[in-house]
Amino acid sequence: MKLPIIKHLQKNNDAEKLQHSMDVLESFCEHRSVKENEMDVAGELITNIAGAIEMHKLVEEGMSEKDAANTFAQRVLGSIDRN
């Protein structure tokens, strides 16, 4: 997860476009010929796109982009701390 990339994706793409991109990457990962290193790269992309979608939701709820990024980062860090 890279917050600067997530911010860039959120700022320059609408949520629907991001969701379609994530769907394509998930489909790609399901194919039996995808190698582990390719799956790792796709997984990182999916994570960043999912973060951008989450930030879109927070901004739509009225949060500033800065607060949305901070809230998202805190959620991720909080989920890591619980594991």
PDB file of N, CA and C in Angstrom:
ATOM      1  N   MET A   1       0.841  -1.170   0.000  1.00  0.00           N
ATOM      2  CA  MET A   1       0.000   0.000   0.000  1.00  0.00           C
ATOM      3  C   MET A   1       0.886   1.233   0.000  1.00  0.00           C
ATOM      4  N   LYS A   2       0.606   2.118  -0.919  1.00  0.00           N
ATOM      5  CA  LYS A   2       1.369   3.363  -1.012  1.00  0.00           C
ATOM      6  C   LYS A   2       0.381   4.524  -1.070  1.00  0.00           C
ATOM      7  N   LEU A   3       0.315   5.259   0.045  1.00  0.00           N
ATOM      8  CA  LEU A   3      -0.655   6.335   0.163  1.00  0.00           C
ATOM      9  C   LEU A   3      -0.546   7.390  -0.942  1.00  0.00           C
ATOM     10  N   PRO A   4       0.649   7.806  -1.362  1.00  0.00           N
ATOM     11  CA  PRO A   4       0.708   8.795  -2.456  1.00  0.00           C
ATOM     12  C   PRO A   4       0.070   8.265  -3.749  1.00  0.00           C
ATOM     13  N   ILE A   5       0.254   6.988  -4.029  1.00  0.00           N
ATOM     14  CA  ILE A   5      -0.360   6.397  -5.225  1.00  0.00           C
ATOM     15  C   ILE A   5      -1.869   6.336  -5.058  1.00  0.00           C
ATOM     16  N   ILE A   6      -2.330   5.953  -3.875  1.00  0.00           N
ATOM     17  CA  ILE A   6      -3.774   5.888  -3.607  1.00  0.00           C
ATOM     18  C   ILE A   6      -4.399   7.260  -3.793  1.00  0.00           C
ATOM     19  N   LYS A   7      -3.763   8.303  -3.263  1.00  0.00           N
ATOM     20  CA  LYS A   7      -4.271   9.670  -3.421  1.00  0.00           C
ATOM     21  C   LYS A   7      -4.336  10.053  -4.898  1.00  0.00           C
ATOM     22  N   HIS A   8      -3.292   9.711  -5.637  1.00  0.00           N
ATOM     23  CA  HIS A   8      -3.242  10.034  -7.069  1.00  0.00           C
ATOM     24  C   HIS A   8      -4.383   9.330  -7.816  1.00  0.00           C
ATOM     25  N   LEU A   9      -4.565   8.045  -7.539  1.00  0.00           N
ATOM     26  CA  LEU A   9      -5.631   7.293  -8.199  1.00  0.00           C
ATOM     27  C   LEU A   9      -6.998   7.870  -7.872  1.00  0.00           C
ATOM     28  N   GLN A  10      -7.205   8.198  -6.602  1.00  0.00           N
ATOM     29  CA  GLN A  10      -8.496   8.734  -6.167  1.00  0.00           C
ATOM     30  C   GLN A  10      -8.780  10.079  -6.822  1.00  0.00           C
ATOM     31  N   LYS A  11      -7.758  10.886  -6.929  1.00  0.00           N
ATOM     32  CA  LYS A  11      -7.928  12.237  -7.463  1.00  0.00           C
ATOM     33  C   LYS A  11      -8.172  12.242  -8.972  1.00  0.00           C
ATOM     34  N   ASN A  12      -7.594  11.283  -9.691  1.00  0.00           N
ATOM     35  CA  ASN A  12      -7.607  11.318 -11.150  1.00  0.00           C
ATOM     36  C   ASN A  12      -8.537  10.314 -11.822  1.00  0.00           C
ATOM     37  N   ASN A  13      -9.320   9.575 -11.021  1.00  0.00           N
ATOM     38  CA  ASN A  13     -10.225   8.564 -11.585  1.00  0.00           C
ATOM     39  C   ASN A  13     -11.507   8.522 -10.778  1.00  0.00           C
ATOM     40  N   ASP A  14     -12.602   8.228 -11.449  1.00  0.00           N
ATOM     41  CA  ASP A  14     -13.834   8.071 -10.686  1.00  0.00           C
ATOM     42  C   ASP A  14     -13.906   6.645 -10.123  1.00  0.00           C
ATOM     43  N   ALA A  15     -14.775   6.472  -9.136  1.00  0.00           N
ATOM     44  CA  ALA A  15     -14.863   5.195  -8.424  1.00  0.00           C
ATOM     45  C   ALA A  15     -15.259   4.048  -9.351  1.00  0.00           C
ATOM     46  N   GLU A  16     -16.107   4.319 -10.314  1.00  0.00           N
ATOM     47  CA  GLU A  16     -16.548   3.267 -11.236  1.00  0.00           C
ATOM     48  C   GLU A  16     -15.381   2.755 -12.084  1.00  0.00           C
ATOM     49  N   LYS A  17     -14.574   3.661 -12.593  1.00  0.00           N
ATOM     50  CA  LYS A  17     -13.412   3.273 -13.391  1.00  0.00           C
ATOM     51  C   LYS A  17     -12.432   2.448 -12.548  1.00  0.00           C
ATOM     52  N   LEU A  18     -12.223   2.879 -11.316  1.00  0.00           N
ATOM     53  CA  LEU A  18     -11.338   2.138 -10.418  1.00  0.00           C
ATOM     54  C   LEU A  18     -11.874   0.732 -10.141  1.00  0.00           C
ATOM     55  N   GLN A  19     -13.180   0.627  -9.931  1.00  0.00           N
ATOM     56  CA  GLN A  19     -13.785  -0.680  -9.667  1.00  0.00           C
ATOM     57  C   GLN A  19     -13.619  -1.612 -10.860  1.00  0.00           C
ATOM     58  N   HIS A  20     -13.808  -1.093 -12.060  1.00  0.00           N
ATOM     59  CA  HIS A  20     -13.623  -1.911 -13.267  1.00  0.00           C
ATOM     60  C   HIS A  20     -12.173  -2.394 -13.383  1.00  0.00           C
ATOM     61  N   SER A  21     -11.248  -1.506 -13.094  1.00  0.00           N
ATOM     62  CA  SER A  21      -9.827  -1.885 -13.145  1.00  0.00           C
ATOM     63  C   SER A  21      -9.526  -2.984 -12.138  1.00  0.00           C
ATOM     64  N   MET A  22     -10.068  -2.856 -10.946  1.00  0.00           N
ATOM     65  CA  MET A  22      -9.849  -3.858  -9.911  1.00  0.00           C
ATOM     66  C   MET A  22     -10.464  -5.199 -10.325  1.00  0.00           C
ATOM     67  N   ASP A  23     -11.635  -5.154 -10.926  1.00  0.00           N
ATOM     68  CA  ASP A  23     -12.282  -6.386 -11.389  1.00  0.00           C
ATOM     69  C   ASP A  23     -11.429  -7.113 -12.426  1.00  0.00           C
ATOM     70  N   VAL A  24     -10.841  -6.353 -13.345  1.00  0.00           N
ATOM     71  CA  VAL A  24      -9.983  -6.942 -14.379  1.00  0.00           C
ATOM     72  C   VAL A  24      -8.753  -7.582 -13.740  1.00  0.00           C
ATOM     73  N   LEU A  25      -8.132  -6.892 -12.807  1.00  0.00           N
ATOM     74  CA  LEU A  25      -6.944  -7.446 -12.144  1.00  0.00           C
ATOM     75  C   LEU A  25      -7.278  -8.710 -11.347  1.00  0.00           C
ATOM     76  N   GLU A  26      -8.428  -8.708 -10.683  1.00  0.00           N
ATOM     77  CA  GLU A  26      -8.841  -9.898  -9.933  1.00  0.00           C
ATOM     78  C   GLU A  26      -9.071 -11.071 -10.880  1.00  0.00           C
ATOM     79  N   SER A  27      -9.670 -10.805 -12.012  1.00  0.00           N
ATOM     80  CA  SER A  27      -9.895 -11.853 -13.011  1.00  0.00           C
ATOM     81  C   SER A  27      -8.569 -12.389 -13.536  1.00  0.00           C
ATOM     82  N   PHE A  28      -7.634 -11.486 -13.782  1.00  0.00           N
ATOM     83  CA  PHE A  28      -6.302 -11.877 -14.236  1.00  0.00           C
ATOM     84  C   PHE A  28      -5.668 -12.846 -13.237  1.00  0.00           C
ATOM     85  N   CYS A  29      -5.771 -12.539 -11.953  1.00  0.00           N
ATOM     86  CA  CYS A  29      -5.147 -13.357 -10.904  1.00  0.00           C
ATOM     87  C   CYS A  29      -5.767 -14.748 -10.797  1.00  0.00           C
ATOM     88  N   GLU A  30      -6.989 -14.896 -11.253  1.00  0.00           N
ATOM     89  CA  GLU A  30      -7.671 -16.183 -11.162  1.00  0.00           C
ATOM     90  C   GLU A  30      -7.211 -17.190 -12.211  1.00  0.00           C
ATOM     91  N   HIS A  31      -6.509 -16.720 -13.229  1.00  0.00           N
ATOM     92  CA  HIS A  31      -6.079 -17.635 -14.283  1.00  0.00           C
ATOM     93  C   HIS A  31      -4.931 -18.511 -13.799  1.00  0.00           C
ATOM     94  N   ARG A  32      -4.959 -19.762 -14.170  1.00  0.00           N
ATOM     95  CA  ARG A  32      -3.991 -20.741 -13.656  1.00  0.00           C
ATOM     96  C   ARG A  32      -2.560 -20.495 -14.109  1.00  0.00           C
ATOM     97  N   SER A  33      -2.355 -19.754 -15.188  1.00  0.00           N
ATOM     98  CA  SER A  33      -0.985 -19.545 -15.669  1.00  0.00           C
ATOM     99  C   SER A  33      -0.299 -18.321 -15.065  1.00  0.00           C
ATOM    100  N   VAL A  34      -0.983 -17.604 -14.211  1.00  0.00           N
ATOM    101  CA  VAL A  34      -0.384 -16.426 -13.582  1.00  0.00           C
ATOM    102  C   VAL A  34       0.635 -16.890 -12.541  1.00  0.00           C
ATOM    103  N   LYS A  35       1.835 -16.364 -12.664  1.00  0.00           N
ATOM    104  CA  LYS A  35       2.926 -16.744 -11.758  1.00  0.00           C
ATOM    105  C   LYS A  35       2.822 -15.969 -10.449  1.00  0.00           C
ATOM    106  N   GLU A  36       3.504 -16.480  -9.442  1.00  0.00           N
ATOM    107  CA  GLU A  36       3.418 -15.874  -8.111  1.00  0.00           C
ATOM    108  C   GLU A  36       3.897 -14.427  -8.103  1.00  0.00           C
ATOM    109  N   ASN A  37       4.988 -14.131  -8.785  1.00  0.00           N
ATOM    110  CA  ASN A  37       5.485 -12.751  -8.799  1.00  0.00           C
ATOM    111  C   ASN A  37       4.507 -11.815  -9.524  1.00  0.00           C
ATOM    112  N   GLU A  38       3.839 -12.322 -10.548  1.00  0.00           N
ATOM    113  CA  GLU A  38       2.814 -11.526 -11.240  1.00  0.00           C
ATOM    114  C   GLU A  38       1.620 -11.299 -10.311  1.00  0.00           C
ATOM    115  N   MET A  39       1.280 -12.310  -9.539  1.00  0.00           N
ATOM    116  CA  MET A  39       0.179 -12.197  -8.588  1.00  0.00           C
ATOM    117  C   MET A  39       0.514 -11.167  -7.503  1.00  0.00           C
ATOM    118  N   ASP A  40       1.766 -11.130  -7.075  1.00  0.00           N
ATOM    119  CA  ASP A  40       2.185 -10.145  -6.073  1.00  0.00           C
ATOM    120  C   ASP A  40       2.032  -8.722  -6.591  1.00  0.00           C
ATOM    121  N   VAL A  41       2.449  -8.495  -7.825  1.00  0.00           N
ATOM    122  CA  VAL A  41       2.328  -7.161  -8.426  1.00  0.00           C
ATOM    123  C   VAL A  41       0.858  -6.784  -8.575  1.00  0.00           C
ATOM    124  N   ALA A  42       0.057  -7.705  -9.092  1.00  0.00           N
ATOM    125  CA  ALA A  42      -1.374  -7.434  -9.260  1.00  0.00           C
ATOM    126  C   ALA A  42      -2.023  -7.183  -7.900  1.00  0.00           C
ATOM    127  N   GLY A  43      -1.613  -7.931  -6.888  1.00  0.00           N
ATOM    128  CA  GLY A  43      -2.159  -7.739  -5.544  1.00  0.00           C
ATOM    129  C   GLY A  43      -1.858  -6.359  -4.994  1.00  0.00           C
ATOM    130  N   GLU A  44      -0.657  -5.873  -5.226  1.00  0.00           N
ATOM    131  CA  GLU A  44      -0.289  -4.521  -4.795  1.00  0.00           C
ATOM    132  C   GLU A  44      -1.140  -3.477  -5.528  1.00  0.00           C
ATOM    133  N   LEU A  45      -1.347  -3.680  -6.822  1.00  0.00           N
ATOM    134  CA  LEU A  45      -2.199  -2.767  -7.589  1.00  0.00           C
ATOM    135  C   LEU A  45      -3.633  -2.785  -7.070  1.00  0.00           C
ATOM    136  N   ILE A  46      -4.152  -3.986  -6.808  1.00  0.00           N
ATOM    137  CA  ILE A  46      -5.518  -4.125  -6.286  1.00  0.00           C
ATOM    138  C   ILE A  46      -5.646  -3.408  -4.949  1.00  0.00           C
ATOM    139  N   THR A  47      -4.655  -3.563  -4.082  1.00  0.00           N
ATOM    140  CA  THR A  47      -4.678  -2.904  -2.778  1.00  0.00           C
ATOM    141  C   THR A  47      -4.737  -1.387  -2.925  1.00  0.00           C
ATOM    142  N   ASN A  48      -3.924  -0.840  -3.806  1.00  0.00           N
ATOM    143  CA  ASN A  48      -3.921   0.612  -4.017  1.00  0.00           C
ATOM    144  C   ASN A  48      -5.232   1.093  -4.622  1.00  0.00           C
ATOM    145  N   ILE A  49      -5.778   0.343  -5.552  1.00  0.00           N
ATOM    146  CA  ILE A  49      -7.054   0.723  -6.162  1.00  0.00           C
ATOM    147  C   ILE A  49      -8.175   0.652  -5.137  1.00  0.00           C
ATOM    148  N   ALA A  50      -8.191  -0.406  -4.320  1.00  0.00           N
ATOM    149  CA  ALA A  50      -9.221  -0.531  -3.282  1.00  0.00           C
ATOM    150  C   ALA A  50      -9.135   0.640  -2.301  1.00  0.00           C
ATOM    151  N   GLY A  51      -7.925   1.068  -1.990  1.00  0.00           N
ATOM    152  CA  GLY A  51      -7.751   2.231  -1.122  1.00  0.00           C
ATOM    153  C   GLY A  51      -8.312   3.495  -1.750  1.00  0.00           C
ATOM    154  N   ALA A  52      -8.096   3.659  -3.031  1.00  0.00           N
ATOM    155  CA  ALA A  52      -8.626   4.831  -3.733  1.00  0.00           C
ATOM    156  C   ALA A  52     -10.154   4.808  -3.750  1.00  0.00           C
ATOM    157  N   ILE A  53     -10.731   3.640  -3.926  1.00  0.00           N
ATOM    158  CA  ILE A  53     -12.195   3.519  -3.901  1.00  0.00           C
ATOM    159  C   ILE A  53     -12.724   3.880  -2.514  1.00  0.00           C
ATOM    160  N   GLU A  54     -12.056   3.392  -1.478  1.00  0.00           N
ATOM    161  CA  GLU A  54     -12.455   3.712  -0.110  1.00  0.00           C
ATOM    162  C   GLU A  54     -12.347   5.209   0.150  1.00  0.00           C
ATOM    163  N   MET A  55     -11.288   5.842  -0.341  1.00  0.00           N
ATOM    164  CA  MET A  55     -11.153   7.284  -0.182  1.00  0.00           C
ATOM    165  C   MET A  55     -12.269   8.035  -0.911  1.00  0.00           C
ATOM    166  N   HIS A  56     -12.664   7.541  -2.088  1.00  0.00           N
ATOM    167  CA  HIS A  56     -13.786   8.153  -2.811  1.00  0.00           C
ATOM    168  C   HIS A  56     -15.034   8.140  -1.941  1.00  0.00           C
ATOM    169  N   LYS A  57     -15.296   7.012  -1.297  1.00  0.00           N
ATOM    170  CA  LYS A  57     -16.489   6.901  -0.438  1.00  0.00           C
ATOM    171  C   LYS A  57     -16.436   7.908   0.705  1.00  0.00           C
ATOM    172  N   LEU A  58     -15.272   8.038   1.321  1.00  0.00           N
ATOM    173  CA  LEU A  58     -15.137   8.978   2.433  1.00  0.00           C
ATOM    174  C   LEU A  58     -15.323  10.421   1.980  1.00  0.00           C
ATOM    175  N   VAL A  59     -14.784  10.765   0.816  1.00  0.00           N
ATOM    176  CA  VAL A  59     -14.937  12.118   0.282  1.00  0.00           C
ATOM    177  C   VAL A  59     -16.406  12.381  -0.069  1.00  0.00           C
ATOM    178  N   GLU A  60     -17.072  11.385  -0.636  1.00  0.00           N
ATOM    179  CA  GLU A  60     -18.497  11.537  -0.963  1.00  0.00           C
ATOM    180  C   GLU A  60     -19.339  11.755   0.285  1.00  0.00           C
ATOM    181  N   GLU A  61     -18.891  11.202   1.415  1.00  0.00           N
ATOM    182  CA  GLU A  61     -19.596  11.380   2.684  1.00  0.00           C
ATOM    183  C   GLU A  61     -19.337  12.747   3.299  1.00  0.00           C
ATOM    184  N   GLY A  62     -18.493  13.567   2.639  1.00  0.00           N
ATOM    185  CA  GLY A  62     -18.260  14.923   3.089  1.00  0.00           C
ATOM    186  C   GLY A  62     -16.902  15.175   3.721  1.00  0.00           C
ATOM    187  N   MET A  63     -16.051  14.185   3.746  1.00  0.00           N
ATOM    188  CA  MET A  63     -14.728  14.341   4.350  1.00  0.00           C
ATOM    189  C   MET A  63     -13.790  15.005   3.342  1.00  0.00           C
ATOM    190  N   SER A  64     -12.863  15.801   3.837  1.00  0.00           N
ATOM    191  CA  SER A  64     -11.862  16.394   2.944  1.00  0.00           C
ATOM    192  C   SER A  64     -10.933  15.281   2.447  1.00  0.00           C
ATOM    193  N   GLU A  65     -10.242  15.539   1.341  1.00  0.00           N
ATOM    194  CA  GLU A  65      -9.326  14.529   0.802  1.00  0.00           C
ATOM    195  C   GLU A  65      -8.224  14.194   1.803  1.00  0.00           C
ATOM    196  N   LYS A  66      -7.725  15.206   2.492  1.00  0.00           N
ATOM    197  CA  LYS A  66      -6.676  14.992   3.484  1.00  0.00           C
ATOM    198  C   LYS A  66      -7.186  14.113   4.628  1.00  0.00           C
ATOM    199  N   ASP A  67      -8.375  14.437   5.146  1.00  0.00           N
ATOM    200  CA  ASP A  67      -8.943  13.640   6.232  1.00  0.00           C
ATOM    201  C   ASP A  67      -9.284  12.228   5.772  1.00  0.00           C
ATOM    202  N   ALA A  68      -9.748  12.103   4.525  1.00  0.00           N
ATOM    203  CA  ALA A  68     -10.061  10.775   3.982  1.00  0.00           C
ATOM    204  C   ALA A  68      -8.796   9.921   3.898  1.00  0.00           C
ATOM    205  N   ALA A  69      -7.697  10.518   3.465  1.00  0.00           N
ATOM    206  CA  ALA A  69      -6.433   9.782   3.383  1.00  0.00           C
ATOM    207  C   ALA A  69      -5.961   9.365   4.767  1.00  0.00           C
ATOM    208  N   ASN A  70      -6.055  10.274   5.733  1.00  0.00           N
ATOM    209  CA  ASN A  70      -5.642   9.950   7.102  1.00  0.00           C
ATOM    210  C   ASN A  70      -6.531   8.872   7.717  1.00  0.00           C
ATOM    211  N   THR A  71      -7.824   8.973   7.497  1.00  0.00           N
ATOM    212  CA  THR A  71      -8.759   7.973   8.025  1.00  0.00           C
ATOM    213  C   THR A  71      -8.487   6.604   7.424  1.00  0.00           C
ATOM    214  N   PHE A  72      -8.288   6.569   6.122  1.00  0.00           N
ATOM    215  CA  PHE A  72      -7.982   5.300   5.460  1.00  0.00           C
ATOM    216  C   PHE A  72      -6.692   4.699   6.004  1.00  0.00           C
ATOM    217  N   ALA A  73      -5.649   5.518   6.121  1.00  0.00           N
ATOM    218  CA  ALA A  73      -4.366   5.025   6.629  1.00  0.00           C
ATOM    219  C   ALA A  73      -4.511   4.497   8.057  1.00  0.00           C
ATOM    220  N   GLN A  74      -5.277   5.181   8.883  1.00  0.00           N
ATOM    221  CA  GLN A  74      -5.486   4.723  10.263  1.00  0.00           C
ATOM    222  C   GLN A  74      -6.240   3.398  10.300  1.00  0.00           C
ATOM    223  N   ARG A  75      -7.212   3.230   9.413  1.00  0.00           N
ATOM    224  CA  ARG A  75      -7.941   1.949   9.349  1.00  0.00           C
ATOM    225  C   ARG A  75      -6.993   0.809   8.984  1.00  0.00           C
ATOM    226  N   VAL A  76      -6.148   1.057   8.011  1.00  0.00           N
ATOM    227  CA  VAL A  76      -5.199   0.020   7.595  1.00  0.00           C
ATOM    228  C   VAL A  76      -4.238  -0.302   8.725  1.00  0.00           C
ATOM    229  N   LEU A  77      -3.675   0.728   9.339  1.00  0.00           N
ATOM    230  CA  LEU A  77      -2.740   0.497  10.437  1.00  0.00           C
ATOM    231  C   LEU A  77      -3.436  -0.181  11.617  1.00  0.00           C
ATOM    232  N   GLY A  78      -4.678   0.189  11.869  1.00  0.00           N
ATOM    233  CA  GLY A  78      -5.441  -0.442  12.945  1.00  0.00           C
ATOM    234  C   GLY A  78      -5.690  -1.916  12.681  1.00  0.00           C
ATOM    235  N   SER A  79      -5.956  -2.257  11.420  1.00  0.00           N
ATOM    236  CA  SER A  79      -6.196  -3.671  11.095  1.00  0.00           C
ATOM    237  C   SER A  79      -4.900  -4.481  11.166  1.00  0.00           C
ATOM    238  N   ILE A  80      -3.776  -3.835  10.871  1.00  0.00           N
ATOM    239  CA  ILE A  80      -2.487  -4.511  10.977  1.00  0.00           C
ATOM    240  C   ILE A  80      -2.152  -4.769  12.450  1.00  0.00           C
ATOM    241  N   ASP A  81      -2.433  -3.781  13.290  1.00  0.00           N
ATOM    242  CA  ASP A  81      -2.140  -3.918  14.719  1.00  0.00           C
ATOM    243  C   ASP A  81      -2.950  -5.036  15.363  1.00  0.00           C
ATOM    244  N   ARG A  82      -4.152  -5.272  14.868  1.00  0.00           N
ATOM    245  CA  ARG A  82      -5.013  -6.317  15.435  1.00  0.00           C
ATOM    246  C   ARG A  82      -4.534  -7.722  15.095  1.00  0.00           C
ATOM    247  N   ASN A  83      -3.789  -7.864  14.028  1.00  0.00           N
ATOM    248  CA  ASN A  83      -3.339  -9.206  13.613  1.00  0.00           C
ATOM    249  C   ASN A  83      -2.123  -9.653  14.341  1.00  0.00           C
TER     250      ASN A  83
END
